[in-house]
């Protein structure tokens, strides 16, 4: 009995020792399993990130933008058709508008005497031949009428009824339907300027096309020439005394294909335009030639008839750059 009990105790101790020996192995195995699961989870996360990386890589290689016609209209995205055109080399001039001296007239009494009546006042429109005043001659005591010598506007009134009319002007009438733009040309600006040259005159939002009609010396001994160009002003948009700018055309040449400079954008190291095909706008790298500041000659990268973006093309460029630099192939 004692021997059996002793053997039983020994067996129990042996089992307990074996269990204690196995515990570190199980813990190590559990840790290994845990690390393997974490590593697998980490790999899954890296794989998911890599997938996004592929998407970003695709974004970085985008060469087009999709924009609905409705949104494009609201954003002010406008287009033009690539075609042949004229490059015009110009020189910027500064000048001032003047009234035509042949269209300014002062009304004076023919015979001295009291002014009986003034028929027109400041700002009134008159036609040539309209009666503008009546005067009673001192010598004959007879009334006589004074008429407008030209059509225009009364711009000055220098007398009133009851005053004596001598040799002073009673009224001044001016016709500003045609003005002169005068540009002073100093030594470095005189070369190549001659009558007949086209000139585009600007003031604020107004602009018109004209031609140099006269080139005159400066007043007195002043060291400049005066280039005069007529300004049509029937709608009274221009006023004598206004300061104006003008582009004087020096030369003009026709090229097979050109684009509006407002369309040009820089994408990385390329000068591009956006070509529209329905609601897709594709960047098109260009080879460029001469430019006149408004238009540029196209030597390659664009075809006649292509519709390209002119107004607000920078919005399309900004859309391309949202996901990174666009790559041009």
Foldseek 3Di string as FASTA:
>chain_A
DVVVVVVVVVVVVVVVVVVVVCVVVVVVVVVVVVVVVVVVVVVVVVVVVVVVVVVLVVLQADFKDFDAPVVCVVVVWDKDFKWKDKFFAWDKFKWFKAADVVFKDFWADPAKAFWAAAPDDAFDWDAFFQFGTWGQHPVVRDIDTTTHRHTAGFHDADDGGGDIGDGDGGTMGGHVQKIKTKTKAADVRPPQDDWPWKKWKDDDPDIDIWTFHDWACDPDPDRTIITITMDGQNVPPDDGGDMMMMITTRDMDMAGTKDFPQQWDDQPNFTWWWFDDNRMTGTWGFDWDDHNVGMTHTPDRDDGRTMTIRPPRVVRVVVSPPSHGHDDD
